Amino acid sequence: MLVSVTSKIINEKQLKKIISNCNEDMKRAVELAFYNGLPIRKIESEMKLKRRYLQYRLKVDSTKALGFEVTFSQLRTSCIIYLFNQGYTPEYVTKILGYTRQDEVRHQRRLNGYVRPKLRFKVLERDGCKCVYCGAERYLEIDHIIPLSKGGKTNLNNLQTLCMKCNKGKGIKEDIKNNGN
């Protein structure tokens, strides 16, 4: 499994600064996230503390220690980098962190622009269950206005309802426009 590193990576020195500003509960939670790579839902259930409390305390403690906010997700990503730097293989790291084939599929779907059913319903509802180009009510698809390949996101503002015919035609029109024909 490949990890995209788009957030700030925390090193051990920074981690120790954060821990020095934490109370005992938060020390344990931060260590579970960094050294064990546990996601916040597992930390929440193991520590018997509310997620909001954990997130708020980490935000306050990390800002006080480092001058910027740190999230549990960043700590978990840092854990992966830390384990790689210790010489562990990618297979071992994914196994020890509890990643499954489903996690990989979910990650791949997110990269490919998968639209969750809840979001799909909101787009259809907003567009009146009709194609925004021709008004057809059959064979509807959810389309990215700005394609993912051009930096578009999978959110409500970048999605529209199109019928199958208009969606295919849109791709052809954009190809012609981009090629200058």
C-alpha atoms as a PDB file:
ATOM      1  CA  MET A   1       0.000   0.000   0.000  1.00  0.00           C
ATOM      2  CA  LEU A   2       1.392   3.390  -0.951  1.00  0.00           C
ATOM      3  CA  VAL A   3       1.004   6.283   1.436  1.00  0.00           C
ATOM      4  CA  SER A   4       0.561   9.762   0.064  1.00  0.00           C
ATOM      5  CA  VAL A   5       2.389  12.249   2.220  1.00  0.00           C
ATOM      6  CA  THR A   6       0.462  15.495   1.929  1.00  0.00           C
ATOM      7  CA  SER A   7       0.334  16.405   5.598  1.00  0.00           C
ATOM      8  CA  LYS A   8       3.119  17.426   7.939  1.00  0.00           C
ATOM      9  CA  ILE A   9       5.213  14.529   9.210  1.00  0.00           C
ATOM     10  CA  ILE A  10       6.019  14.538  12.924  1.00  0.00           C
ATOM     11  CA  ASN A  11       9.408  13.233  14.041  1.00  0.00           C
ATOM     12  CA  GLU A  12      10.307  11.770  17.443  1.00  0.00           C
ATOM     13  CA  LYS A  13      11.803  15.021  18.695  1.00  0.00           C
ATOM     14  CA  GLN A  14       8.576  16.901  17.944  1.00  0.00           C
ATOM     15  CA  LEU A  15       6.572  14.064  19.457  1.00  0.00           C
ATOM     16  CA  LYS A  16       8.502  14.353  22.724  1.00  0.00           C
ATOM     17  CA  LYS A  17       7.772  18.094  22.809  1.00  0.00           C
ATOM     18  CA  ILE A  18       4.057  17.384  22.401  1.00  0.00           C
ATOM     19  CA  ILE A  19       4.126  14.676  25.086  1.00  0.00           C
ATOM     20  CA  SER A  20       5.866  17.009  27.534  1.00  0.00           C
ATOM     21  CA  ASN A  21       2.844  19.365  27.325  1.00  0.00           C
ATOM     22  CA  CYS A  22       0.226  16.609  27.691  1.00  0.00           C
ATOM     23  CA  ASN A  23      -1.570  15.157  30.689  1.00  0.00           C
ATOM     24  CA  GLU A  24      -1.257  11.396  31.340  1.00  0.00           C
ATOM     25  CA  ASP A  25      -4.307  10.424  29.254  1.00  0.00           C
ATOM     26  CA  MET A  26      -3.140  12.402  26.257  1.00  0.00           C
ATOM     27  CA  LYS A  27       0.420  11.074  26.561  1.00  0.00           C
ATOM     28  CA  ARG A  28      -0.942   7.554  26.197  1.00  0.00           C
ATOM     29  CA  ALA A  29      -3.247   8.529  23.309  1.00  0.00           C
ATOM     30  CA  VAL A  30      -0.437  10.291  21.404  1.00  0.00           C
ATOM     31  CA  GLU A  31       1.904   7.334  21.924  1.00  0.00           C
ATOM     32  CA  LEU A  32      -0.768   4.899  20.708  1.00  0.00           C
ATOM     33  CA  ALA A  33      -1.198   6.959  17.536  1.00  0.00           C
ATOM     34  CA  PHE A  34       2.514   7.477  16.842  1.00  0.00           C
ATOM     35  CA  TYR A  35       4.155   4.235  17.964  1.00  0.00           C
ATOM     36  CA  ASN A  36       1.295   1.783  17.383  1.00  0.00           C
ATOM     37  CA  GLY A  37      -0.388   3.563  14.464  1.00  0.00           C
ATOM     38  CA  LEU A  38      -3.863   3.209  15.965  1.00  0.00           C
ATOM     39  CA  PRO A  39      -6.641   5.230  14.326  1.00  0.00           C
ATOM     40  CA  ILE A  40      -8.570   7.610  16.557  1.00  0.00           C
ATOM     41  CA  ARG A  41     -11.640   5.345  16.739  1.00  0.00           C
ATOM     42  CA  LYS A  42      -9.537   2.590  18.349  1.00  0.00           C
ATOM     43  CA  ILE A  43      -7.802   5.053  20.679  1.00  0.00           C
ATOM     44  CA  GLU A  44     -11.216   6.404  21.654  1.00  0.00           C
ATOM     45  CA  SER A  45     -12.544   2.945  22.554  1.00  0.00           C
ATOM     46  CA  GLU A  46      -9.348   1.861  24.327  1.00  0.00           C
ATOM     47  CA  MET A  47      -8.967   5.046  26.382  1.00  0.00           C
ATOM     48  CA  LYS A  48     -12.715   5.419  27.073  1.00  0.00           C
ATOM     49  CA  LEU A  49     -12.491   9.113  26.157  1.00  0.00           C
ATOM     50  CA  LYS A  50     -14.581  11.096  23.686  1.00  0.00           C
ATOM     51  CA  ARG A  51     -13.128  11.735  20.244  1.00  0.00           C
ATOM     52  CA  ARG A  52     -13.788  15.472  20.451  1.00  0.00           C
ATOM     53  CA  TYR A  53     -11.892  15.690  23.729  1.00  0.00           C
ATOM     54  CA  LEU A  54      -8.918  13.807  22.286  1.00  0.00           C
ATOM     55  CA  GLN A  55      -8.847  15.939  19.148  1.00  0.00           C
ATOM     56  CA  TYR A  56      -9.194  19.186  21.098  1.00  0.00           C
ATOM     57  CA  ARG A  57      -6.470  18.302  23.613  1.00  0.00           C
ATOM     58  CA  LEU A  58      -4.069  17.261  20.837  1.00  0.00           C
ATOM     59  CA  LYS A  59      -4.771  20.503  18.974  1.00  0.00           C
ATOM     60  CA  VAL A  60      -4.106  22.614  22.087  1.00  0.00           C
ATOM     61  CA  ASP A  61      -1.056  20.644  23.272  1.00  0.00           C
ATOM     62  CA  SER A  62       0.593  20.494  19.841  1.00  0.00           C
ATOM     63  CA  THR A  63       0.007  24.196  19.185  1.00  0.00           C
ATOM     64  CA  LYS A  64       1.542  25.016  22.568  1.00  0.00           C
ATOM     65  CA  ALA A  65       4.553  22.742  21.974  1.00  0.00           C
ATOM     66  CA  LEU A  66       5.252  23.189  18.247  1.00  0.00           C
ATOM     67  CA  GLY A  67       3.354  26.283  17.146  1.00  0.00           C
ATOM     68  CA  PHE A  68       1.085  24.396  14.739  1.00  0.00           C
ATOM     69  CA  GLU A  69      -1.831  21.972  15.023  1.00  0.00           C
ATOM     70  CA  VAL A  70      -1.256  18.234  14.775  1.00  0.00           C
ATOM     71  CA  THR A  71      -4.007  15.677  14.119  1.00  0.00           C
ATOM     72  CA  PHE A  72      -4.219  11.988  14.973  1.00  0.00           C
ATOM     73  CA  SER A  73      -4.188  11.261  11.255  1.00  0.00           C
ATOM     74  CA  GLN A  74      -0.833  13.029  10.952  1.00  0.00           C
ATOM     75  CA  LEU A  75       0.503  11.040  13.899  1.00  0.00           C
ATOM     76  CA  ARG A  76      -0.593   7.802  12.249  1.00  0.00           C
ATOM     77  CA  THR A  77       1.035   8.794   8.960  1.00  0.00           C
ATOM     78  CA  SER A  78       4.178   9.694  10.884  1.00  0.00           C
ATOM     79  CA  CYS A  79       4.045   6.222  12.453  1.00  0.00           C
ATOM     80  CA  ILE A  80       4.144   4.640   9.009  1.00  0.00           C
ATOM     81  CA  ILE A  81       7.148   6.749   7.988  1.00  0.00           C
ATOM     82  CA  TYR A  82       8.808   5.994  11.352  1.00  0.00           C
ATOM     83  CA  LEU A  83       8.364   2.235  10.820  1.00  0.00           C
ATOM     84  CA  PHE A  84       9.731   2.446   7.257  1.00  0.00           C
ATOM     85  CA  ASN A  85      12.746   4.364   8.572  1.00  0.00           C
ATOM     86  CA  GLN A  86      13.288   1.599  11.149  1.00  0.00           C
ATOM     87  CA  GLY A  87      13.715  -0.807   8.224  1.00  0.00           C
ATOM     88  CA  TYR A  88      10.366  -2.601   8.248  1.00  0.00           C
ATOM     89  CA  THR A  89       8.964  -3.804   4.914  1.00  0.00           C
ATOM     90  CA  PRO A  90       5.758  -2.302   3.503  1.00  0.00           C
ATOM     91  CA  GLU A  91       3.992  -5.663   3.909  1.00  0.00           C
ATOM     92  CA  TYR A  92       4.942  -5.826   7.589  1.00  0.00           C
ATOM     93  CA  VAL A  93       3.905  -2.207   8.193  1.00  0.00           C
ATOM     94  CA  THR A  94       0.481  -2.698   6.624  1.00  0.00           C
ATOM     95  CA  LYS A  95       0.013  -5.923   8.588  1.00  0.00           C
ATOM     96  CA  ILE A  96       1.065  -4.416  11.926  1.00  0.00           C
ATOM     97  CA  LEU A  97      -1.135  -1.340  11.424  1.00  0.00           C
ATOM     98  CA  GLY A  98      -4.107  -3.524  10.622  1.00  0.00           C
ATOM     99  CA  TYR A  99      -4.709  -2.410   7.054  1.00  0.00           C
ATOM    100  CA  THR A 100      -6.876  -4.802   5.110  1.00  0.00           C
ATOM    101  CA  ARG A 101      -7.670  -5.309   1.466  1.00  0.00           C
ATOM    102  CA  GLN A 102     -10.856  -3.273   2.077  1.00  0.00           C
ATOM    103  CA  ASP A 103      -8.749  -0.290   3.204  1.00  0.00           C
ATOM    104  CA  GLU A 104      -6.787  -0.472  -0.031  1.00  0.00           C
ATOM    105  CA  VAL A 105      -9.993  -0.676  -2.080  1.00  0.00           C
ATOM    106  CA  ARG A 106     -11.449   2.302  -0.181  1.00  0.00           C
ATOM    107  CA  HIS A 107      -8.278   4.310  -0.778  1.00  0.00           C
ATOM    108  CA  GLN A 108      -8.274   3.442  -4.479  1.00  0.00           C
ATOM    109  CA  ARG A 109     -11.951   4.388  -4.823  1.00  0.00           C
ATOM    110  CA  ARG A 110     -11.234   7.760  -3.239  1.00  0.00           C
ATOM    111  CA  LEU A 111      -8.418   8.352  -5.728  1.00  0.00           C
ATOM    112  CA  ASN A 112     -10.655   7.338  -8.648  1.00  0.00           C
ATOM    113  CA  GLY A 113     -13.434   9.768  -7.713  1.00  0.00           C
ATOM    114  CA  TYR A 114     -15.914   7.315  -6.213  1.00  0.00           C
ATOM    115  CA  VAL A 115     -19.075   9.182  -5.199  1.00  0.00           C
ATOM    116  CA  ARG A 116     -20.594   7.837  -1.997  1.00  0.00           C
ATOM    117  CA  PRO A 117     -24.332   7.056  -2.137  1.00  0.00           C
ATOM    118  CA  LYS A 118     -25.215   9.842   0.313  1.00  0.00           C
ATOM    119  CA  LEU A 119     -23.418  12.451  -1.808  1.00  0.00           C
ATOM    120  CA  ARG A 120     -24.886  10.951  -4.993  1.00  0.00           C
ATOM    121  CA  PHE A 121     -28.385  11.380  -3.536  1.00  0.00           C
ATOM    122  CA  LYS A 122     -27.690  15.027  -2.591  1.00  0.00           C
ATOM    123  CA  VAL A 123     -26.521  15.810  -6.144  1.00  0.00           C
ATOM    124  CA  LEU A 124     -29.560  14.117  -7.680  1.00  0.00           C
ATOM    125  CA  GLU A 125     -31.876  15.935  -5.265  1.00  0.00           C
ATOM    126  CA  ARG A 126     -30.225  19.303  -5.972  1.00  0.00           C
ATOM    127  CA  ASP A 127     -30.513  18.821  -9.747  1.00  0.00           C
ATOM    128  CA  GLY A 128     -34.139  17.635  -9.524  1.00  0.00           C
ATOM    129  CA  CYS A 129     -33.302  14.106 -10.749  1.00  0.00           C
ATOM    130  CA  LYS A 130     -32.829  15.474 -14.262  1.00  0.00           C
ATOM    131  CA  CYS A 131     -29.886  15.908 -16.602  1.00  0.00           C
ATOM    132  CA  VAL A 132     -28.653  19.478 -16.239  1.00  0.00           C
ATOM    133  CA  TYR A 133     -27.930  19.674 -20.002  1.00  0.00           C
ATOM    134  CA  CYS A 134     -30.998  18.162 -21.686  1.00  0.00           C
ATOM    135  CA  GLY A 135     -33.469  17.525 -18.845  1.00  0.00           C
ATOM    136  CA  ALA A 136     -33.664  13.741 -19.373  1.00  0.00           C
ATOM    137  CA  GLU A 137     -34.872  11.718 -16.390  1.00  0.00           C
ATOM    138  CA  ARG A 138     -33.495   8.302 -17.391  1.00  0.00           C
ATOM    139  CA  TYR A 139     -30.011   6.767 -17.368  1.00  0.00           C
ATOM    140  CA  LEU A 140     -28.621   9.411 -15.015  1.00  0.00           C
ATOM    141  CA  GLU A 141     -24.976   9.549 -13.973  1.00  0.00           C
ATOM    142  CA  ILE A 142     -23.064  11.742 -11.555  1.00  0.00           C
ATOM    143  CA  ASP A 143     -20.301  13.664 -13.322  1.00  0.00           C
ATOM    144  CA  HIS A 144     -17.341  15.722 -12.116  1.00  0.00           C
ATOM    145  CA  ILE A 145     -17.537  19.240 -13.580  1.00  0.00           C
ATOM    146  CA  ILE A 146     -13.779  19.702 -13.222  1.00  0.00           C
ATOM    147  CA  PRO A 147     -12.295  16.239 -13.826  1.00  0.00           C
ATOM    148  CA  LEU A 148     -10.136  14.630 -11.153  1.00  0.00           C
ATOM    149  CA  SER A 149      -7.278  14.562 -13.649  1.00  0.00           C
ATOM    150  CA  LYS A 150      -7.379  18.366 -13.792  1.00  0.00           C
ATOM    151  CA  GLY A 151      -7.480  18.815 -10.007  1.00  0.00           C
ATOM    152  CA  GLY A 152     -11.236  18.577  -9.426  1.00  0.00           C
ATOM    153  CA  LYS A 153     -12.550  17.258  -6.121  1.00  0.00           C
ATOM    154  CA  THR A 154     -15.365  14.887  -5.302  1.00  0.00           C
ATOM    155  CA  ASN A 155     -17.641  17.340  -3.495  1.00  0.00           C
ATOM    156  CA  LEU A 156     -21.140  18.719  -3.941  1.00  0.00           C
ATOM    157  CA  ASN A 157     -19.970  21.869  -5.759  1.00  0.00           C
ATOM    158  CA  ASN A 158     -18.004  19.917  -8.365  1.00  0.00           C
ATOM    159  CA  LEU A 159     -20.642  17.287  -9.184  1.00  0.00           C
ATOM    160  CA  GLN A 160     -23.593  17.443 -11.564  1.00  0.00           C
ATOM    161  CA  THR A 161     -26.287  15.109 -12.842  1.00  0.00           C
ATOM    162  CA  LEU A 162     -26.027  14.147 -16.505  1.00  0.00           C
ATOM    163  CA  CYS A 163     -27.763  11.522 -18.582  1.00  0.00           C
ATOM    164  CA  MET A 164     -25.529   8.860 -20.092  1.00  0.00           C
ATOM    165  CA  LYS A 165     -25.699  10.426 -23.569  1.00  0.00           C
ATOM    166  CA  CYS A 166     -24.747  13.955 -22.404  1.00  0.00           C
ATOM    167  CA  ASN A 167     -21.996  12.607 -20.181  1.00  0.00           C
ATOM    168  CA  LYS A 168     -20.397  10.737 -23.081  1.00  0.00           C
ATOM    169  CA  GLY A 169     -20.902  13.733 -25.376  1.00  0.00           C
ATOM    170  CA  LYS A 170     -19.325  16.055 -22.833  1.00  0.00           C
ATOM    171  CA  GLY A 171     -16.122  14.016 -22.969  1.00  0.00           C
ATOM    172  CA  ILE A 172     -16.027  14.201 -26.767  1.00  0.00           C
ATOM    173  CA  LYS A 173     -16.680  17.980 -26.768  1.00  0.00           C
ATOM    174  CA  GLU A 174     -13.879  18.539 -24.250  1.00  0.00           C
ATOM    175  CA  ASP A 175     -11.474  16.414 -26.320  1.00  0.00           C
ATOM    176  CA  ILE A 176     -12.286  18.443 -29.443  1.00  0.00           C
ATOM    177  CA  LYS A 177     -11.946  21.733 -27.538  1.00  0.00           C
ATOM    178  CA  ASN A 178      -8.581  20.688 -26.028  1.00  0.00           C
ATOM    179  CA  ASN A 179      -7.176  19.496 -29.373  1.00  0.00           C
ATOM    180  CA  GLY A 180      -8.183  22.706 -31.153  1.00  0.00           C
ATOM    181  CA  ASN A 181     -10.368  21.013 -33.787  1.00  0.00           C
END
